[in-house]
Amino acid sequence: MIAVEALRVEAASRAHAAGLAALFEAAGSPCYCRFWHFHGTNNAWLERCATDPGQNRAELVSALEAGSDEARGVVALATDHEVLGWLKVAPAAAAQKAYDRRLYRGLPCFAGDRAGVFLIGCALVHPAHRRRGVATALVAGAVRLAPAWGARALEALPRRPREPVSDDDLWTGPMGAYEENGFVEVHAFDPYPVLRRELAPARQT
């Protein structure tokens, strides 16, 4: 079992395409982080995941190779370069579907200038490495790297369950990972609060 101190967190790129696909397969997740970019109905999405997950995989790989905002994020790498974790960190405009959902539509915390606001839209950790701080390391990596992408703030839409749930139910990231990285609640509606973290400007080199 790898220690979290041995992880390297870096920006996702086309070089991670095969490793990311393998991560989703190891987790038994057919979505390949495409839900926020799927324009059909929920039933159509479920059908695609059940019958044609390869299309989701192909879209993720294509987005990574193109450097698209739809595949913007950070990965946690083991010393042998295996991808052990993924965190989607996309400009809010590239994940508008999230903000259009009933729970979040029209909230005052989303008013005003949205330029430079990025959404942490998905978190996935390899099943063999969960509950060891990988998600926390991924969020810390997002805080560190996102300013270079033009981000001035990060938003997150985690679930805060009232009773124990499976790891898969925390697919937008566990609360603790955000709390440990300085996120604060800007909308306290349980079990789905909205969190935000203001970012320091990117350092000029």
C-alpha atoms as a PDB file:
ATOM      1  CA  MET A   1       0.000   0.000   0.000  1.00  0.00           C
ATOM      2  CA  ILE A   2       1.526   3.316  -1.045  1.00  0.00           C
ATOM      3  CA  ALA A   3       1.965   6.054   1.553  1.00  0.00           C
ATOM      4  CA  VAL A   4       0.346   9.351   0.656  1.00  0.00           C
ATOM      5  CA  GLU A   5       3.727  11.042   1.114  1.00  0.00           C
ATOM      6  CA  ALA A   6       5.004   9.023  -1.844  1.00  0.00           C
ATOM      7  CA  LEU A   7       2.327  10.318  -4.204  1.00  0.00           C
ATOM      8  CA  ARG A   8       3.025  12.916  -6.853  1.00  0.00           C
ATOM      9  CA  VAL A   9       0.105  15.129  -7.851  1.00  0.00           C
ATOM     10  CA  GLU A  10       0.298  16.862 -11.206  1.00  0.00           C
ATOM     11  CA  ALA A  11      -1.905  18.319 -13.916  1.00  0.00           C
ATOM     12  CA  ALA A  12      -3.631  15.721 -16.046  1.00  0.00           C
ATOM     13  CA  SER A  13      -2.416  15.540 -19.642  1.00  0.00           C
ATOM     14  CA  ARG A  14      -2.543  13.307 -22.688  1.00  0.00           C
ATOM     15  CA  ALA A  15       0.327  11.320 -21.173  1.00  0.00           C
ATOM     16  CA  HIS A  16      -2.092  10.106 -18.481  1.00  0.00           C
ATOM     17  CA  ALA A  17      -4.860   8.961 -20.834  1.00  0.00           C
ATOM     18  CA  ALA A  18      -4.196   5.227 -20.588  1.00  0.00           C
ATOM     19  CA  GLY A  19      -3.583   5.399 -16.839  1.00  0.00           C
ATOM     20  CA  LEU A  20      -6.785   7.343 -16.228  1.00  0.00           C
ATOM     21  CA  ALA A  21      -8.807   4.881 -18.292  1.00  0.00           C
ATOM     22  CA  ALA A  22      -7.280   2.041 -16.278  1.00  0.00           C
ATOM     23  CA  LEU A  23      -8.230   3.829 -13.039  1.00  0.00           C
ATOM     24  CA  PHE A  24     -11.885   4.050 -14.061  1.00  0.00           C
ATOM     25  CA  GLU A  25     -11.842   0.392 -15.050  1.00  0.00           C
ATOM     26  CA  ALA A  26     -10.263  -0.648 -11.724  1.00  0.00           C
ATOM     27  CA  ALA A  27     -12.997   1.271  -9.907  1.00  0.00           C
ATOM     28  CA  GLY A  28     -15.734  -0.309 -12.036  1.00  0.00           C
ATOM     29  CA  SER A  29     -16.852   3.153 -13.103  1.00  0.00           C
ATOM     30  CA  PRO A  30     -18.275   3.305 -16.649  1.00  0.00           C
ATOM     31  CA  CYS A  31     -18.732   7.096 -16.651  1.00  0.00           C
ATOM     32  CA  TYR A  32     -15.100   8.075 -17.368  1.00  0.00           C
ATOM     33  CA  CYS A  33     -15.980  11.517 -15.982  1.00  0.00           C
ATOM     34  CA  ARG A  34     -18.303  12.402 -18.862  1.00  0.00           C
ATOM     35  CA  PHE A  35     -21.583  12.937 -17.007  1.00  0.00           C
ATOM     36  CA  TRP A  36     -21.320  16.728 -16.820  1.00  0.00           C
ATOM     37  CA  HIS A  37     -20.802  16.853 -20.598  1.00  0.00           C
ATOM     38  CA  PHE A  38     -23.564  14.453 -21.640  1.00  0.00           C
ATOM     39  CA  HIS A  39     -26.546  16.304 -23.122  1.00  0.00           C
ATOM     40  CA  GLY A  40     -29.133  13.529 -23.097  1.00  0.00           C
ATOM     41  CA  THR A  41     -31.593  12.512 -20.403  1.00  0.00           C
ATOM     42  CA  ASN A  42     -30.607  10.714 -17.223  1.00  0.00           C
ATOM     43  CA  ASN A  43     -32.113   7.499 -18.608  1.00  0.00           C
ATOM     44  CA  ALA A  44     -30.087   7.877 -21.789  1.00  0.00           C
ATOM     45  CA  TRP A  45     -26.967   8.384 -19.699  1.00  0.00           C
ATOM     46  CA  LEU A  46     -27.633   5.244 -17.673  1.00  0.00           C
ATOM     47  CA  GLU A  47     -28.217   3.301 -20.871  1.00  0.00           C
ATOM     48  CA  ARG A  48     -24.927   4.490 -22.354  1.00  0.00           C
ATOM     49  CA  CYS A  49     -23.007   3.559 -19.195  1.00  0.00           C
ATOM     50  CA  ALA A  50     -24.633   0.113 -19.204  1.00  0.00           C
ATOM     51  CA  THR A  51     -24.321  -0.682 -22.902  1.00  0.00           C
ATOM     52  CA  ASP A  52     -21.582   1.511 -24.367  1.00  0.00           C
ATOM     53  CA  PRO A  53     -19.067   2.680 -21.746  1.00  0.00           C
ATOM     54  CA  GLY A  54     -16.413   2.557 -24.442  1.00  0.00           C
ATOM     55  CA  GLN A  55     -17.883   5.736 -25.897  1.00  0.00           C
ATOM     56  CA  ASN A  56     -17.335   7.516 -22.575  1.00  0.00           C
ATOM     57  CA  ARG A  57     -13.770   6.229 -22.455  1.00  0.00           C
ATOM     58  CA  ALA A  58     -13.101   7.392 -26.015  1.00  0.00           C
ATOM     59  CA  GLU A  59     -14.481  10.861 -25.222  1.00  0.00           C
ATOM     60  CA  LEU A  60     -12.279  11.184 -22.134  1.00  0.00           C
ATOM     61  CA  VAL A  61      -9.163  10.138 -24.053  1.00  0.00           C
ATOM     62  CA  SER A  62     -10.030  12.491 -26.905  1.00  0.00           C
ATOM     63  CA  ALA A  63     -10.557  15.407 -24.497  1.00  0.00           C
ATOM     64  CA  LEU A  64      -7.211  14.721 -22.809  1.00  0.00           C
ATOM     65  CA  GLU A  65      -5.395  14.547 -26.125  1.00  0.00           C
ATOM     66  CA  ALA A  66      -6.999  17.810 -27.237  1.00  0.00           C
ATOM     67  CA  GLY A  67      -6.193  19.588 -23.965  1.00  0.00           C
ATOM     68  CA  SER A  68      -9.901  20.329 -23.554  1.00  0.00           C
ATOM     69  CA  ASP A  69     -11.298  21.978 -20.432  1.00  0.00           C
ATOM     70  CA  GLU A  70     -13.638  18.981 -20.240  1.00  0.00           C
ATOM     71  CA  ALA A  71     -10.631  16.890 -19.155  1.00  0.00           C
ATOM     72  CA  ARG A  72      -8.959  19.513 -16.997  1.00  0.00           C
ATOM     73  CA  GLY A  73      -7.885  18.161 -13.633  1.00  0.00           C
ATOM     74  CA  VAL A  74      -5.151  16.645 -11.508  1.00  0.00           C
ATOM     75  CA  VAL A  75      -3.923  13.090 -11.072  1.00  0.00           C
ATOM     76  CA  ALA A  76      -2.193  11.328  -8.176  1.00  0.00           C
ATOM     77  CA  LEU A  77       0.662   9.123  -9.341  1.00  0.00           C
ATOM     78  CA  ALA A  78       2.483   6.305  -7.589  1.00  0.00           C
ATOM     79  CA  THR A  79       6.267   6.044  -7.863  1.00  0.00           C
ATOM     80  CA  ASP A  80       5.822   3.678 -10.819  1.00  0.00           C
ATOM     81  CA  HIS A  81       3.587   6.296 -12.517  1.00  0.00           C
ATOM     82  CA  GLU A  82       0.373   4.311 -11.989  1.00  0.00           C
ATOM     83  CA  VAL A  83      -2.592   6.696 -11.779  1.00  0.00           C
ATOM     84  CA  LEU A  84      -4.133   6.183  -8.334  1.00  0.00           C
ATOM     85  CA  GLY A  85      -6.449   9.174  -8.234  1.00  0.00           C
ATOM     86  CA  TRP A  86      -8.233  11.745 -10.378  1.00  0.00           C
ATOM     87  CA  LEU A  87      -9.868  15.072  -9.592  1.00  0.00           C
ATOM     88  CA  LYS A  88     -11.794  16.953 -12.264  1.00  0.00           C
ATOM     89  CA  VAL A  89     -11.096  20.700 -12.019  1.00  0.00           C
ATOM     90  CA  ALA A  90     -12.927  22.403 -14.870  1.00  0.00           C
ATOM     91  CA  PRO A  91     -13.908  26.008 -15.536  1.00  0.00           C
ATOM     92  CA  ALA A  92     -17.451  26.524 -14.294  1.00  0.00           C
ATOM     93  CA  ALA A  93     -18.602  27.259 -17.834  1.00  0.00           C
ATOM     94  CA  ALA A  94     -17.391  23.830 -18.967  1.00  0.00           C
ATOM     95  CA  ALA A  95     -19.529  22.117 -16.316  1.00  0.00           C
ATOM     96  CA  GLN A  96     -22.676  24.217 -16.518  1.00  0.00           C
ATOM     97  CA  LYS A  97     -24.804  21.084 -16.259  1.00  0.00           C
ATOM     98  CA  ALA A  98     -23.793  20.819 -12.597  1.00  0.00           C
ATOM     99  CA  TYR A  99     -25.043  24.307 -11.807  1.00  0.00           C
ATOM    100  CA  ASP A 100     -28.277  23.739 -13.718  1.00  0.00           C
ATOM    101  CA  ARG A 101     -29.320  20.876 -11.474  1.00  0.00           C
ATOM    102  CA  ARG A 102     -32.329  21.498  -9.230  1.00  0.00           C
ATOM    103  CA  LEU A 103     -30.325  21.622  -5.995  1.00  0.00           C
ATOM    104  CA  TYR A 104     -28.009  24.362  -7.232  1.00  0.00           C
ATOM    105  CA  ARG A 105     -29.960  26.304  -9.842  1.00  0.00           C
ATOM    106  CA  GLY A 106     -30.119  30.018  -9.082  1.00  0.00           C
ATOM    107  CA  LEU A 107     -28.328  29.971  -5.717  1.00  0.00           C
ATOM    108  CA  PRO A 108     -27.078  33.411  -4.621  1.00  0.00           C
ATOM    109  CA  CYS A 109     -23.585  32.006  -4.021  1.00  0.00           C
ATOM    110  CA  PHE A 110     -23.277  31.529  -7.782  1.00  0.00           C
ATOM    111  CA  ALA A 111     -24.226  35.117  -8.655  1.00  0.00           C
ATOM    112  CA  GLY A 112     -21.810  37.796  -9.821  1.00  0.00           C
ATOM    113  CA  ASP A 113     -18.672  37.556 -11.892  1.00  0.00           C
ATOM    114  CA  ARG A 114     -17.958  33.915 -12.674  1.00  0.00           C
ATOM    115  CA  ALA A 115     -14.750  34.452 -14.630  1.00  0.00           C
ATOM    116  CA  GLY A 116     -11.951  32.388 -13.143  1.00  0.00           C
ATOM    117  CA  VAL A 117     -14.260  30.148 -11.103  1.00  0.00           C
ATOM    118  CA  PHE A 118     -13.476  26.449 -11.485  1.00  0.00           C
ATOM    119  CA  LEU A 119     -15.551  23.480 -10.311  1.00  0.00           C
ATOM    120  CA  ILE A 120     -14.213  20.314  -8.750  1.00  0.00           C
ATOM    121  CA  GLY A 121     -16.683  18.076 -10.491  1.00  0.00           C
ATOM    122  CA  CYS A 122     -15.506  14.543  -9.770  1.00  0.00           C
ATOM    123  CA  ALA A 123     -13.115  12.646  -7.503  1.00  0.00           C
ATOM    124  CA  LEU A 124     -11.986   9.062  -8.003  1.00  0.00           C
ATOM    125  CA  VAL A 125      -9.426   7.065  -6.027  1.00  0.00           C
ATOM    126  CA  HIS A 126      -8.290   3.533  -6.827  1.00  0.00           C
ATOM    127  CA  PRO A 127     -10.265   1.115  -4.598  1.00  0.00           C
ATOM    128  CA  ALA A 128      -7.061  -0.351  -3.161  1.00  0.00           C
ATOM    129  CA  HIS A 129      -5.841   3.070  -1.990  1.00  0.00           C
ATOM    130  CA  ARG A 130      -8.923   4.684  -0.472  1.00  0.00           C
ATOM    131  CA  ARG A 131      -9.201   6.206   3.010  1.00  0.00           C
ATOM    132  CA  ARG A 132      -5.491   6.975   3.093  1.00  0.00           C
ATOM    133  CA  GLY A 133      -5.461  10.670   2.196  1.00  0.00           C
ATOM    134  CA  VAL A 134      -5.298  10.439  -1.590  1.00  0.00           C
ATOM    135  CA  ALA A 135      -8.387  12.621  -2.078  1.00  0.00           C
ATOM    136  CA  THR A 136      -6.980  15.223   0.304  1.00  0.00           C
ATOM    137  CA  ALA A 137      -3.707  15.242  -1.647  1.00  0.00           C
ATOM    138  CA  LEU A 138      -5.644  15.672  -4.908  1.00  0.00           C
ATOM    139  CA  VAL A 139      -7.563  18.680  -3.560  1.00  0.00           C
ATOM    140  CA  ALA A 140      -4.307  20.196  -2.292  1.00  0.00           C
ATOM    141  CA  GLY A 141      -2.879  19.705  -5.770  1.00  0.00           C
ATOM    142  CA  ALA A 142      -5.860  21.471  -7.318  1.00  0.00           C
ATOM    143  CA  VAL A 143      -5.400  24.440  -4.963  1.00  0.00           C
ATOM    144  CA  ARG A 144      -1.731  24.597  -5.952  1.00  0.00           C
ATOM    145  CA  LEU A 145      -2.089  24.107  -9.712  1.00  0.00           C
ATOM    146  CA  ALA A 146      -5.388  25.757 -10.668  1.00  0.00           C
ATOM    147  CA  PRO A 147      -4.154  29.373 -10.479  1.00  0.00           C
ATOM    148  CA  ALA A 148      -1.836  28.641 -13.410  1.00  0.00           C
ATOM    149  CA  TRP A 149      -4.955  27.752 -15.432  1.00  0.00           C
ATOM    150  CA  GLY A 150      -6.538  31.120 -14.671  1.00  0.00           C
ATOM    151  CA  ALA A 151      -8.554  30.026 -11.646  1.00  0.00           C
ATOM    152  CA  ARG A 152      -9.204  32.575  -8.897  1.00  0.00           C
ATOM    153  CA  ALA A 153     -11.591  30.344  -6.931  1.00  0.00           C
ATOM    154  CA  LEU A 154     -12.536  26.684  -6.654  1.00  0.00           C
ATOM    155  CA  GLU A 155     -16.052  25.443  -5.937  1.00  0.00           C
ATOM    156  CA  ALA A 156     -17.083  21.977  -4.813  1.00  0.00           C
ATOM    157  CA  LEU A 157     -20.417  20.207  -4.493  1.00  0.00           C
ATOM    158  CA  PRO A 158     -19.770  17.373  -2.027  1.00  0.00           C
ATOM    159  CA  ARG A 159     -22.245  15.198  -0.213  1.00  0.00           C
ATOM    160  CA  ARG A 160     -22.402  15.329   3.583  1.00  0.00           C
ATOM    161  CA  PRO A 161     -24.405  12.215   4.449  1.00  0.00           C
ATOM    162  CA  ARG A 162     -26.329  11.864   7.688  1.00  0.00           C
ATOM    163  CA  GLU A 163     -25.480   8.160   7.833  1.00  0.00           C
ATOM    164  CA  PRO A 164     -22.701   5.953   6.406  1.00  0.00           C
ATOM    165  CA  VAL A 165     -22.635   5.614   2.624  1.00  0.00           C
ATOM    166  CA  SER A 166     -20.422   3.774   0.157  1.00  0.00           C
ATOM    167  CA  ASP A 167     -17.290   5.388  -1.255  1.00  0.00           C
ATOM    168  CA  ASP A 168     -18.969   5.499  -4.665  1.00  0.00           C
ATOM    169  CA  ASP A 169     -21.667   7.784  -3.239  1.00  0.00           C
ATOM    170  CA  LEU A 170     -18.988  10.396  -2.493  1.00  0.00           C
ATOM    171  CA  TRP A 171     -18.048  10.812  -6.144  1.00  0.00           C
ATOM    172  CA  THR A 172     -17.796  14.608  -5.895  1.00  0.00           C
ATOM    173  CA  GLY A 173     -15.212  14.229  -3.133  1.00  0.00           C
ATOM    174  CA  PRO A 174     -15.373  13.696   0.644  1.00  0.00           C
ATOM    175  CA  MET A 175     -16.026  16.684   2.897  1.00  0.00           C
ATOM    176  CA  GLY A 176     -12.844  16.133   4.885  1.00  0.00           C
ATOM    177  CA  ALA A 177     -10.639  16.561   1.840  1.00  0.00           C
ATOM    178  CA  TYR A 178     -12.079  20.041   1.302  1.00  0.00           C
ATOM    179  CA  GLU A 179     -12.111  21.064   4.939  1.00  0.00           C
ATOM    180  CA  GLU A 180      -8.435  20.194   5.279  1.00  0.00           C
ATOM    181  CA  ASN A 181      -7.650  22.415   2.288  1.00  0.00           C
ATOM    182  CA  GLY A 182      -9.361  25.591   3.443  1.00  0.00           C
ATOM    183  CA  PHE A 183     -12.744  25.353   1.701  1.00  0.00           C
ATOM    184  CA  VAL A 184     -15.646  27.091   3.421  1.00  0.00           C
ATOM    185  CA  GLU A 185     -19.389  26.624   3.092  1.00  0.00           C
ATOM    186  CA  VAL A 186     -21.141  29.266   1.034  1.00  0.00           C
ATOM    187  CA  HIS A 187     -24.466  27.423   0.969  1.00  0.00           C
ATOM    188  CA  ALA A 188     -25.209  25.174   3.958  1.00  0.00           C
ATOM    189  CA  PHE A 189     -27.959  22.926   2.651  1.00  0.00           C
ATOM    190  CA  ASP A 190     -27.591  19.368   3.969  1.00  0.00           C
ATOM    191  CA  PRO A 191     -26.744  16.866   2.716  1.00  0.00           C
ATOM    192  CA  TYR A 192     -25.446  18.843  -0.287  1.00  0.00           C
ATOM    193  CA  PRO A 193     -23.555  21.965   0.849  1.00  0.00           C
ATOM    194  CA  VAL A 194     -21.665  24.202  -1.562  1.00  0.00           C
ATOM    195  CA  LEU A 195     -18.017  24.869  -0.734  1.00  0.00           C
ATOM    196  CA  ARG A 196     -15.615  27.480  -2.061  1.00  0.00           C
ATOM    197  CA  ARG A 197     -11.919  28.254  -1.763  1.00  0.00           C
ATOM    198  CA  GLU A 198     -10.429  31.542  -2.912  1.00  0.00           C
ATOM    199  CA  LEU A 199      -7.031  31.131  -4.541  1.00  0.00           C
ATOM    200  CA  ALA A 200      -3.871  33.172  -4.501  1.00  0.00           C
ATOM    201  CA  PRO A 201      -2.826  34.474  -7.930  1.00  0.00           C
ATOM    202  CA  ALA A 202      -0.369  32.360  -9.882  1.00  0.00           C
ATOM    203  CA  ARG A 203       3.232  33.251  -9.243  1.00  0.00           C
ATOM    204  CA  GLN A 204       4.934  35.102 -12.046  1.00  0.00           C
ATOM    205  CA  THR A 205       8.172  33.567 -13.299  1.00  0.00           C
END
